[in-house]
N, C-alpha and C. Protein backbone atom coordinates (compact mmCIF):
# COMPACT_ATOMS: atom_id res chain seq x y z
N MET A 1 -11.85 -18.78 1.46
CA MET A 1 -12.72 -18.16 0.48
C MET A 1 -11.90 -17.82 -0.78
N THR A 2 -12.42 -18.16 -1.93
CA THR A 2 -11.68 -17.90 -3.17
C THR A 2 -11.94 -16.48 -3.66
N ASN A 3 -11.08 -16.01 -4.56
CA ASN A 3 -11.27 -14.69 -5.15
C ASN A 3 -12.65 -14.55 -5.78
N ASN A 4 -13.09 -15.59 -6.51
CA ASN A 4 -14.38 -15.54 -7.20
C ASN A 4 -15.56 -15.51 -6.23
N GLU A 5 -15.40 -16.07 -5.02
CA GLU A 5 -16.45 -16.00 -4.01
C GLU A 5 -16.56 -14.60 -3.43
N ILE A 6 -15.44 -13.89 -3.37
CA ILE A 6 -15.44 -12.52 -2.83
C ILE A 6 -15.91 -11.54 -3.90
N VAL A 7 -15.37 -11.65 -5.09
CA VAL A 7 -15.76 -10.80 -6.23
C VAL A 7 -16.06 -11.72 -7.40
N HIS A 8 -17.33 -11.84 -7.75
CA HIS A 8 -17.76 -12.76 -8.80
C HIS A 8 -17.01 -12.50 -10.11
N GLY A 9 -16.42 -13.54 -10.67
CA GLY A 9 -15.72 -13.43 -11.95
C GLY A 9 -14.33 -12.85 -11.88
N PHE A 10 -13.80 -12.66 -10.66
CA PHE A 10 -12.48 -12.02 -10.51
C PHE A 10 -11.38 -12.78 -11.24
N ASP A 11 -11.39 -14.09 -11.12
CA ASP A 11 -10.31 -14.90 -11.70
C ASP A 11 -10.56 -15.35 -13.13
N GLU A 12 -11.51 -14.72 -13.83
CA GLU A 12 -11.75 -15.14 -15.21
C GLU A 12 -10.60 -14.76 -16.12
N GLU A 13 -9.76 -13.86 -15.69
CA GLU A 13 -8.55 -13.49 -16.43
C GLU A 13 -7.37 -13.62 -15.47
N LYS A 14 -6.26 -14.17 -15.95
CA LYS A 14 -5.07 -14.34 -15.11
C LYS A 14 -3.84 -13.84 -15.85
N ASP A 15 -2.81 -13.52 -15.07
CA ASP A 15 -1.53 -13.10 -15.62
C ASP A 15 -0.45 -13.73 -14.74
N GLU A 16 0.43 -14.49 -15.33
CA GLU A 16 1.45 -15.20 -14.55
C GLU A 16 2.46 -14.26 -13.89
N SER A 17 2.61 -13.04 -14.41
CA SER A 17 3.60 -12.11 -13.86
C SER A 17 3.10 -11.40 -12.59
N LEU A 18 1.79 -11.45 -12.36
CA LEU A 18 1.21 -10.78 -11.19
C LEU A 18 0.11 -11.65 -10.60
N LYS A 19 0.33 -12.13 -9.41
CA LYS A 19 -0.67 -12.94 -8.70
C LYS A 19 -1.41 -12.02 -7.72
N ILE A 20 -2.74 -12.14 -7.70
CA ILE A 20 -3.56 -11.33 -6.81
C ILE A 20 -4.44 -12.25 -5.98
N LYS A 21 -4.39 -12.09 -4.67
CA LYS A 21 -5.21 -12.88 -3.75
C LYS A 21 -6.04 -11.91 -2.90
N LEU A 22 -7.35 -12.11 -2.90
CA LEU A 22 -8.26 -11.25 -2.15
C LEU A 22 -8.61 -11.86 -0.80
N GLN A 23 -8.77 -10.99 0.20
CA GLN A 23 -9.18 -11.46 1.53
C GLN A 23 -10.03 -10.38 2.18
N LYS A 24 -11.25 -10.76 2.60
CA LYS A 24 -12.13 -9.81 3.28
C LYS A 24 -11.58 -9.47 4.66
N VAL A 25 -11.90 -8.24 5.12
CA VAL A 25 -11.50 -7.80 6.44
C VAL A 25 -12.75 -7.77 7.32
N ASP A 26 -12.75 -8.57 8.37
CA ASP A 26 -13.89 -8.58 9.29
C ASP A 26 -13.92 -7.29 10.11
N GLY A 27 -15.11 -6.75 10.29
CA GLY A 27 -15.28 -5.59 11.15
C GLY A 27 -15.08 -4.25 10.47
N VAL A 28 -14.71 -4.24 9.20
CA VAL A 28 -14.55 -2.98 8.47
C VAL A 28 -15.33 -3.10 7.17
N GLU A 29 -16.45 -2.40 7.09
CA GLU A 29 -17.33 -2.46 5.91
C GLU A 29 -16.60 -2.01 4.64
N GLY A 30 -16.68 -2.81 3.59
CA GLY A 30 -16.10 -2.44 2.29
C GLY A 30 -14.59 -2.51 2.23
N CYS A 31 -13.98 -3.21 3.21
CA CYS A 31 -12.52 -3.29 3.26
C CYS A 31 -12.04 -4.65 2.74
N LEU A 32 -10.98 -4.61 1.96
CA LEU A 32 -10.45 -5.81 1.33
C LEU A 32 -8.92 -5.76 1.32
N ILE A 33 -8.30 -6.89 1.65
CA ILE A 33 -6.85 -7.00 1.51
C ILE A 33 -6.58 -7.57 0.12
N VAL A 34 -5.71 -6.89 -0.62
CA VAL A 34 -5.34 -7.33 -1.96
C VAL A 34 -3.85 -7.68 -1.90
N ALA A 35 -3.57 -8.99 -1.77
CA ALA A 35 -2.18 -9.44 -1.67
C ALA A 35 -1.60 -9.58 -3.07
N LEU A 36 -0.48 -8.90 -3.30
CA LEU A 36 0.16 -8.89 -4.62
C LEU A 36 1.50 -9.61 -4.57
N SER A 37 1.79 -10.41 -5.60
CA SER A 37 3.12 -10.99 -5.71
C SER A 37 3.49 -11.03 -7.19
N GLY A 38 4.76 -10.73 -7.43
CA GLY A 38 5.24 -10.64 -8.80
C GLY A 38 5.69 -9.22 -9.09
N TYR A 39 5.26 -8.69 -10.22
CA TYR A 39 5.64 -7.33 -10.57
C TYR A 39 4.52 -6.66 -11.36
N ILE A 40 4.57 -5.32 -11.40
CA ILE A 40 3.61 -4.53 -12.18
C ILE A 40 4.41 -3.63 -13.10
N ASP A 41 4.18 -3.78 -14.40
CA ASP A 41 4.88 -2.95 -15.38
C ASP A 41 3.92 -2.56 -16.50
N THR A 42 4.45 -2.00 -17.56
CA THR A 42 3.65 -1.55 -18.69
C THR A 42 2.81 -2.67 -19.29
N TYR A 43 3.36 -3.88 -19.30
CA TYR A 43 2.70 -4.99 -19.98
C TYR A 43 1.54 -5.60 -19.20
N ASN A 44 1.58 -5.55 -17.88
CA ASN A 44 0.49 -6.15 -17.12
C ASN A 44 -0.34 -5.15 -16.31
N SER A 45 -0.05 -3.86 -16.42
CA SER A 45 -0.78 -2.87 -15.64
C SER A 45 -2.26 -2.80 -16.04
N SER A 46 -2.56 -3.04 -17.32
CA SER A 46 -3.95 -3.05 -17.77
C SER A 46 -4.73 -4.18 -17.09
N TYR A 47 -4.11 -5.36 -17.01
CA TYR A 47 -4.71 -6.50 -16.30
C TYR A 47 -4.97 -6.12 -14.84
N PHE A 48 -3.95 -5.53 -14.19
CA PHE A 48 -4.04 -5.11 -12.79
C PHE A 48 -5.20 -4.12 -12.61
N GLN A 49 -5.28 -3.12 -13.48
CA GLN A 49 -6.33 -2.11 -13.37
C GLN A 49 -7.72 -2.72 -13.55
N LYS A 50 -7.87 -3.63 -14.50
CA LYS A 50 -9.18 -4.27 -14.72
C LYS A 50 -9.61 -5.09 -13.52
N ARG A 51 -8.67 -5.81 -12.91
CA ARG A 51 -9.01 -6.64 -11.74
C ARG A 51 -9.45 -5.76 -10.57
N ILE A 52 -8.73 -4.68 -10.32
CA ILE A 52 -9.06 -3.82 -9.17
C ILE A 52 -10.32 -3.01 -9.46
N ALA A 53 -10.55 -2.64 -10.70
CA ALA A 53 -11.81 -1.96 -11.06
C ALA A 53 -13.00 -2.86 -10.72
N LYS A 54 -12.85 -4.15 -10.96
CA LYS A 54 -13.89 -5.13 -10.64
C LYS A 54 -14.15 -5.17 -9.13
N VAL A 55 -13.08 -5.07 -8.35
CA VAL A 55 -13.17 -5.05 -6.89
C VAL A 55 -13.98 -3.82 -6.44
N VAL A 56 -13.62 -2.65 -6.99
CA VAL A 56 -14.28 -1.39 -6.61
C VAL A 56 -15.76 -1.41 -7.05
N GLU A 57 -16.03 -1.93 -8.24
CA GLU A 57 -17.42 -2.05 -8.72
C GLU A 57 -18.27 -2.91 -7.80
N ASN A 58 -17.63 -3.83 -7.08
CA ASN A 58 -18.33 -4.71 -6.15
C ASN A 58 -18.44 -4.11 -4.74
N GLY A 59 -18.15 -2.82 -4.62
CA GLY A 59 -18.37 -2.12 -3.35
C GLY A 59 -17.20 -2.10 -2.38
N PHE A 60 -16.05 -2.61 -2.78
CA PHE A 60 -14.88 -2.55 -1.92
C PHE A 60 -14.10 -1.27 -2.22
N THR A 61 -14.16 -0.31 -1.30
CA THR A 61 -13.51 0.98 -1.53
C THR A 61 -12.41 1.27 -0.51
N LYS A 62 -12.26 0.39 0.46
CA LYS A 62 -11.19 0.52 1.45
C LYS A 62 -10.22 -0.63 1.17
N LEU A 63 -9.16 -0.32 0.44
CA LEU A 63 -8.28 -1.36 -0.07
C LEU A 63 -6.92 -1.33 0.62
N ILE A 64 -6.52 -2.48 1.12
CA ILE A 64 -5.19 -2.66 1.71
C ILE A 64 -4.39 -3.50 0.72
N PHE A 65 -3.43 -2.86 0.06
CA PHE A 65 -2.58 -3.58 -0.88
C PHE A 65 -1.38 -4.14 -0.11
N HIS A 66 -1.35 -5.45 0.06
CA HIS A 66 -0.24 -6.10 0.73
C HIS A 66 0.84 -6.33 -0.32
N CYS A 67 1.90 -5.54 -0.23
CA CYS A 67 2.91 -5.49 -1.29
C CYS A 67 4.18 -6.28 -0.95
N GLY A 68 4.15 -7.09 0.10
CA GLY A 68 5.34 -7.84 0.51
C GLY A 68 5.91 -8.73 -0.58
N GLY A 69 5.05 -9.28 -1.45
CA GLY A 69 5.52 -10.16 -2.52
C GLY A 69 5.73 -9.45 -3.85
N LEU A 70 5.60 -8.14 -3.84
CA LEU A 70 5.75 -7.35 -5.07
C LEU A 70 7.21 -6.92 -5.17
N ASN A 71 7.93 -7.43 -6.19
CA ASN A 71 9.35 -7.12 -6.26
C ASN A 71 9.72 -6.04 -7.26
N TYR A 72 8.75 -5.54 -8.02
CA TYR A 72 9.04 -4.45 -8.96
C TYR A 72 7.74 -3.75 -9.33
N VAL A 73 7.79 -2.42 -9.38
CA VAL A 73 6.67 -1.62 -9.87
C VAL A 73 7.25 -0.52 -10.75
N SER A 74 6.80 -0.45 -12.00
CA SER A 74 7.26 0.60 -12.90
C SER A 74 6.43 1.86 -12.65
N SER A 75 6.78 2.93 -13.34
CA SER A 75 6.00 4.17 -13.21
C SER A 75 4.57 3.95 -13.68
N THR A 76 4.36 3.07 -14.65
CA THR A 76 3.01 2.74 -15.11
C THR A 76 2.22 2.06 -13.98
N GLY A 77 2.89 1.19 -13.24
CA GLY A 77 2.25 0.53 -12.10
C GLY A 77 1.86 1.52 -11.02
N ILE A 78 2.72 2.48 -10.77
CA ILE A 78 2.39 3.52 -9.78
C ILE A 78 1.21 4.35 -10.27
N GLY A 79 1.15 4.57 -11.58
CA GLY A 79 -0.01 5.25 -12.16
C GLY A 79 -1.30 4.48 -11.90
N SER A 80 -1.21 3.15 -11.88
CA SER A 80 -2.38 2.32 -11.58
C SER A 80 -2.86 2.58 -10.15
N PHE A 81 -1.94 2.60 -9.19
CA PHE A 81 -2.31 2.88 -7.80
C PHE A 81 -2.95 4.26 -7.67
N THR A 82 -2.41 5.23 -8.41
CA THR A 82 -2.97 6.58 -8.38
C THR A 82 -4.40 6.58 -8.93
N ALA A 83 -4.64 5.83 -10.01
CA ALA A 83 -5.98 5.72 -10.58
C ALA A 83 -6.95 5.10 -9.57
N PHE A 84 -6.49 4.08 -8.83
CA PHE A 84 -7.34 3.45 -7.81
C PHE A 84 -7.72 4.45 -6.73
N LEU A 85 -6.74 5.26 -6.32
CA LEU A 85 -6.98 6.27 -5.30
C LEU A 85 -8.05 7.25 -5.77
N LYS A 86 -7.95 7.69 -7.02
CA LYS A 86 -8.94 8.61 -7.59
C LYS A 86 -10.31 7.96 -7.72
N SER A 87 -10.33 6.65 -7.86
CA SER A 87 -11.57 5.90 -8.00
C SER A 87 -12.29 5.71 -6.67
N VAL A 88 -11.55 5.42 -5.59
CA VAL A 88 -12.19 5.09 -4.31
C VAL A 88 -12.45 6.28 -3.41
N ARG A 89 -11.65 7.33 -3.48
CA ARG A 89 -11.83 8.47 -2.57
C ARG A 89 -13.20 9.14 -2.72
N PRO A 90 -13.71 9.38 -3.95
CA PRO A 90 -15.04 9.99 -4.05
C PRO A 90 -16.15 9.09 -3.48
N ARG A 91 -15.86 7.82 -3.30
CA ARG A 91 -16.84 6.87 -2.75
C ARG A 91 -16.62 6.66 -1.25
N GLY A 92 -15.82 7.52 -0.63
CA GLY A 92 -15.57 7.42 0.81
C GLY A 92 -14.50 6.40 1.18
N GLY A 93 -13.75 5.93 0.19
CA GLY A 93 -12.72 4.93 0.45
C GLY A 93 -11.32 5.51 0.44
N ASP A 94 -10.35 4.63 0.53
CA ASP A 94 -8.94 5.02 0.51
C ASP A 94 -8.11 3.77 0.26
N LEU A 95 -6.81 3.97 0.12
CA LEU A 95 -5.86 2.87 -0.07
C LEU A 95 -4.83 2.90 1.04
N VAL A 96 -4.36 1.73 1.41
CA VAL A 96 -3.19 1.61 2.28
C VAL A 96 -2.24 0.65 1.58
N LEU A 97 -0.99 1.03 1.52
CA LEU A 97 0.05 0.16 0.97
C LEU A 97 0.80 -0.42 2.16
N LEU A 98 0.97 -1.73 2.14
CA LEU A 98 1.51 -2.45 3.29
C LEU A 98 2.74 -3.24 2.89
N GLU A 99 3.75 -3.21 3.74
CA GLU A 99 4.98 -4.00 3.56
C GLU A 99 5.61 -3.82 2.18
N ILE A 100 5.83 -2.58 1.80
CA ILE A 100 6.46 -2.29 0.50
C ILE A 100 7.95 -2.64 0.55
N GLN A 101 8.41 -3.39 -0.43
CA GLN A 101 9.84 -3.74 -0.53
C GLN A 101 10.65 -2.44 -0.75
N PRO A 102 11.87 -2.38 -0.19
CA PRO A 102 12.68 -1.15 -0.32
C PRO A 102 12.85 -0.66 -1.76
N LYS A 103 13.10 -1.56 -2.72
CA LYS A 103 13.30 -1.14 -4.11
C LYS A 103 12.02 -0.57 -4.71
N VAL A 104 10.87 -1.13 -4.32
CA VAL A 104 9.58 -0.64 -4.81
C VAL A 104 9.28 0.72 -4.18
N TYR A 105 9.56 0.85 -2.89
CA TYR A 105 9.33 2.11 -2.18
C TYR A 105 10.16 3.23 -2.81
N GLU A 106 11.37 2.88 -3.21
CA GLU A 106 12.27 3.86 -3.82
C GLU A 106 11.66 4.44 -5.10
N VAL A 107 10.97 3.62 -5.89
CA VAL A 107 10.32 4.11 -7.11
C VAL A 107 9.22 5.12 -6.74
N PHE A 108 8.42 4.80 -5.72
CA PHE A 108 7.40 5.74 -5.24
C PHE A 108 8.06 7.05 -4.83
N GLN A 109 9.18 6.96 -4.09
CA GLN A 109 9.90 8.15 -3.63
C GLN A 109 10.44 8.97 -4.81
N LEU A 110 11.11 8.30 -5.73
CA LEU A 110 11.75 9.00 -6.85
C LEU A 110 10.72 9.74 -7.71
N LEU A 111 9.55 9.15 -7.86
CA LEU A 111 8.51 9.78 -8.67
C LEU A 111 7.67 10.78 -7.88
N GLY A 112 7.96 10.90 -6.57
CA GLY A 112 7.26 11.87 -5.74
C GLY A 112 5.86 11.45 -5.31
N PHE A 113 5.57 10.16 -5.35
CA PHE A 113 4.22 9.70 -5.03
C PHE A 113 4.07 9.17 -3.61
N SER A 114 5.16 8.99 -2.88
CA SER A 114 5.05 8.36 -1.56
C SER A 114 4.17 9.17 -0.60
N GLN A 115 4.13 10.50 -0.76
CA GLN A 115 3.31 11.30 0.17
C GLN A 115 1.82 11.23 -0.13
N PHE A 116 1.44 10.70 -1.30
CA PHE A 116 0.01 10.61 -1.65
C PHE A 116 -0.64 9.35 -1.08
N PHE A 117 0.17 8.39 -0.69
CA PHE A 117 -0.36 7.11 -0.25
C PHE A 117 -0.16 6.90 1.23
N ASN A 118 -1.10 6.20 1.83
CA ASN A 118 -0.97 5.80 3.22
C ASN A 118 -0.15 4.52 3.24
N ILE A 119 1.04 4.62 3.79
CA ILE A 119 1.95 3.47 3.82
C ILE A 119 2.08 3.03 5.27
N ARG A 120 1.81 1.77 5.50
CA ARG A 120 1.85 1.22 6.86
C ARG A 120 2.78 0.02 6.90
N ASP A 121 3.28 -0.27 8.10
CA ASP A 121 4.22 -1.38 8.29
C ASP A 121 3.56 -2.68 8.68
N THR A 122 2.38 -2.59 9.34
CA THR A 122 1.72 -3.81 9.80
C THR A 122 0.26 -3.83 9.37
N LEU A 123 -0.30 -5.02 9.31
CA LEU A 123 -1.71 -5.18 8.95
C LEU A 123 -2.59 -4.51 10.01
N ASN A 124 -2.21 -4.60 11.28
CA ASN A 124 -2.98 -3.93 12.34
C ASN A 124 -3.04 -2.43 12.12
N ASP A 125 -1.91 -1.82 11.76
CA ASP A 125 -1.88 -0.37 11.47
C ASP A 125 -2.81 -0.05 10.31
N ALA A 126 -2.78 -0.89 9.28
CA ALA A 126 -3.62 -0.66 8.09
C ALA A 126 -5.10 -0.76 8.45
N MET A 127 -5.48 -1.77 9.21
CA MET A 127 -6.88 -1.94 9.58
C MET A 127 -7.32 -0.83 10.54
N SER A 128 -6.44 -0.41 11.43
CA SER A 128 -6.77 0.69 12.35
C SER A 128 -7.03 1.98 11.58
N PHE A 129 -6.28 2.18 10.50
CA PHE A 129 -6.48 3.37 9.67
C PHE A 129 -7.93 3.43 9.19
N PHE A 130 -8.48 2.30 8.75
CA PHE A 130 -9.85 2.27 8.25
C PHE A 130 -10.88 2.22 9.37
N ARG A 131 -10.55 1.60 10.48
CA ARG A 131 -11.50 1.55 11.61
C ARG A 131 -11.74 2.94 12.16
N THR A 132 -10.69 3.75 12.26
CA THR A 132 -10.86 5.10 12.81
C THR A 132 -11.28 6.07 11.73
N GLY A 133 -11.06 5.69 10.46
CA GLY A 133 -11.40 6.58 9.35
C GLY A 133 -10.55 7.84 9.33
N ASP A 134 -9.36 7.75 9.92
CA ASP A 134 -8.52 8.93 10.06
C ASP A 134 -7.44 8.97 9.00
N ALA A 135 -7.66 9.76 7.96
CA ALA A 135 -6.68 9.88 6.88
C ALA A 135 -5.41 10.59 7.34
N ALA A 136 -5.48 11.29 8.48
CA ALA A 136 -4.28 11.97 8.98
C ALA A 136 -3.35 10.99 9.67
N GLY A 137 -3.82 9.78 9.91
CA GLY A 137 -2.96 8.75 10.48
C GLY A 137 -2.71 8.88 11.97
N SER A 138 -3.74 9.18 12.75
CA SER A 138 -3.54 9.37 14.18
C SER A 138 -3.09 8.08 14.87
N THR A 139 -3.19 6.94 14.18
CA THR A 139 -2.79 5.69 14.80
C THR A 139 -1.26 5.59 14.88
N ALA A 140 -0.56 6.43 14.15
CA ALA A 140 0.90 6.40 14.18
C ALA A 140 1.38 7.31 15.30
N THR A 141 1.59 6.74 16.48
CA THR A 141 2.04 7.52 17.62
C THR A 141 3.52 7.29 17.84
N PHE A 142 4.10 8.22 18.53
CA PHE A 142 5.52 8.11 18.84
C PHE A 142 5.68 7.58 20.25
N PRO A 143 6.72 6.80 20.52
CA PRO A 143 7.75 6.37 19.58
C PRO A 143 7.21 5.40 18.54
N LYS A 144 7.78 5.45 17.35
CA LYS A 144 7.34 4.60 16.23
C LYS A 144 8.51 3.73 15.81
N ILE A 145 8.23 2.44 15.67
CA ILE A 145 9.23 1.49 15.17
C ILE A 145 8.86 1.17 13.72
N PHE A 146 9.83 1.25 12.83
CA PHE A 146 9.58 1.04 11.41
C PHE A 146 10.84 0.50 10.75
N GLY A 147 10.69 0.00 9.53
CA GLY A 147 11.83 -0.50 8.77
C GLY A 147 12.37 0.59 7.85
N CYS A 148 13.68 0.73 7.78
CA CYS A 148 14.31 1.67 6.85
C CYS A 148 13.87 1.30 5.43
N PRO A 149 13.40 2.26 4.63
CA PRO A 149 12.94 1.94 3.29
C PRO A 149 14.06 1.48 2.34
N ILE A 150 15.31 1.68 2.72
CA ILE A 150 16.43 1.28 1.88
C ILE A 150 17.00 -0.07 2.30
N CYS A 151 17.36 -0.22 3.57
CA CYS A 151 18.03 -1.45 4.00
C CYS A 151 17.16 -2.34 4.89
N SER A 152 15.97 -1.90 5.24
CA SER A 152 15.00 -2.65 6.06
C SER A 152 15.39 -2.79 7.52
N LYS A 153 16.45 -2.12 7.97
CA LYS A 153 16.84 -2.16 9.39
C LYS A 153 15.70 -1.59 10.22
N LYS A 154 15.38 -2.26 11.33
CA LYS A 154 14.34 -1.76 12.23
C LYS A 154 14.88 -0.55 12.97
N LEU A 155 14.12 0.55 12.90
CA LEU A 155 14.53 1.81 13.53
C LEU A 155 13.42 2.30 14.45
N LYS A 156 13.79 3.21 15.34
CA LYS A 156 12.82 3.78 16.27
C LYS A 156 12.94 5.29 16.22
N ALA A 157 11.81 5.96 16.02
CA ALA A 157 11.79 7.42 16.05
C ALA A 157 10.96 7.84 17.26
N ILE A 158 11.51 8.74 18.07
CA ILE A 158 10.77 9.18 19.26
C ILE A 158 9.92 10.41 18.99
N LYS A 159 10.20 11.09 17.85
CA LYS A 159 9.42 12.26 17.47
C LYS A 159 9.59 12.52 15.98
N PRO A 160 8.72 13.33 15.38
CA PRO A 160 8.88 13.67 13.96
C PRO A 160 10.20 14.42 13.73
N GLY A 161 10.73 14.32 12.51
CA GLY A 161 11.96 15.06 12.18
C GLY A 161 12.81 14.29 11.19
N ARG A 162 14.08 14.75 11.06
CA ARG A 162 15.02 14.11 10.14
C ARG A 162 16.10 13.40 10.94
N PHE A 163 16.54 12.26 10.44
CA PHE A 163 17.62 11.52 11.08
C PHE A 163 18.27 10.58 10.07
N ARG A 164 19.33 9.94 10.50
CA ARG A 164 20.10 9.06 9.62
C ARG A 164 19.93 7.61 10.09
N CYS A 165 19.75 6.69 9.11
CA CYS A 165 19.65 5.26 9.42
C CYS A 165 20.98 4.79 10.00
N SER A 166 20.93 4.08 11.10
CA SER A 166 22.16 3.62 11.76
C SER A 166 22.90 2.55 10.94
N GLU A 167 22.19 1.89 10.03
CA GLU A 167 22.79 0.82 9.24
C GLU A 167 23.38 1.32 7.92
N CYS A 168 22.53 1.92 7.06
CA CYS A 168 22.97 2.30 5.71
C CYS A 168 23.30 3.79 5.58
N LYS A 169 23.07 4.54 6.65
CA LYS A 169 23.39 5.98 6.71
C LYS A 169 22.52 6.86 5.82
N THR A 170 21.40 6.32 5.31
CA THR A 170 20.47 7.11 4.50
C THR A 170 19.79 8.14 5.38
N ILE A 171 19.62 9.35 4.86
CA ILE A 171 18.90 10.38 5.61
C ILE A 171 17.41 10.16 5.41
N LEU A 172 16.69 10.09 6.53
CA LEU A 172 15.24 9.84 6.52
C LEU A 172 14.53 10.97 7.23
N ALA A 173 13.27 11.13 6.89
CA ALA A 173 12.42 12.10 7.58
C ALA A 173 11.14 11.37 7.96
N ILE A 174 10.59 11.73 9.13
CA ILE A 174 9.33 11.16 9.56
C ILE A 174 8.42 12.32 9.94
N ASP A 175 7.19 12.29 9.40
CA ASP A 175 6.27 13.40 9.65
C ASP A 175 5.42 13.15 10.90
N ASN A 176 4.55 14.11 11.23
CA ASN A 176 3.72 14.01 12.42
C ASN A 176 2.80 12.80 12.40
N ALA A 177 2.44 12.33 11.20
CA ALA A 177 1.55 11.17 11.07
C ALA A 177 2.33 9.86 11.13
N GLY A 178 3.66 9.94 11.24
CA GLY A 178 4.47 8.73 11.32
C GLY A 178 4.91 8.18 9.98
N GLN A 179 4.65 8.92 8.88
CA GLN A 179 5.08 8.46 7.56
C GLN A 179 6.57 8.76 7.38
N VAL A 180 7.27 7.78 6.78
CA VAL A 180 8.71 7.89 6.60
C VAL A 180 9.01 8.22 5.14
N PHE A 181 9.93 9.17 4.95
CA PHE A 181 10.33 9.60 3.61
C PHE A 181 11.85 9.61 3.52
N LEU A 182 12.38 9.52 2.31
CA LEU A 182 13.81 9.70 2.11
C LEU A 182 14.12 11.18 2.18
N GLY A 183 15.27 11.51 2.77
CA GLY A 183 15.75 12.88 2.78
C GLY A 183 15.08 13.74 3.76
């Protein structure tokens, strides 16, 4: 299914620096995977915001941003994600950020925005978040296996708390919902 078949007129504008691919999620009403590749900065954030506004206008309020191909996000780009969150929450929706690259995650951390977003490691975790409708993240049970946000080493946490990555020695914290933070 093409982007235009999912959201009419979605591809009428394009930007070579940011590729967006839409994919419907079966079994979850109003849920859409938005696969991103490239980068989001001051110059293309307006394009990004217009495309996602079109998605929301078409009734998709449960958005899974697959960020595996996103290699850079500026503070303006993070502002775009925040605007999307403000747009979908009053409509009963939410956002999940999936497979965030360590350098991109670091920008979210440095600006203090990582705690505002639901960040998941797998597509199943992201879809479960919307299937249960649980913003507290009850799907994240312990023990939890996750990638270090700095070096991507696979780690295992048996309970919430603070610990050090065995590979890069970064101090990490994991909360009761299974979200991982620096420090």
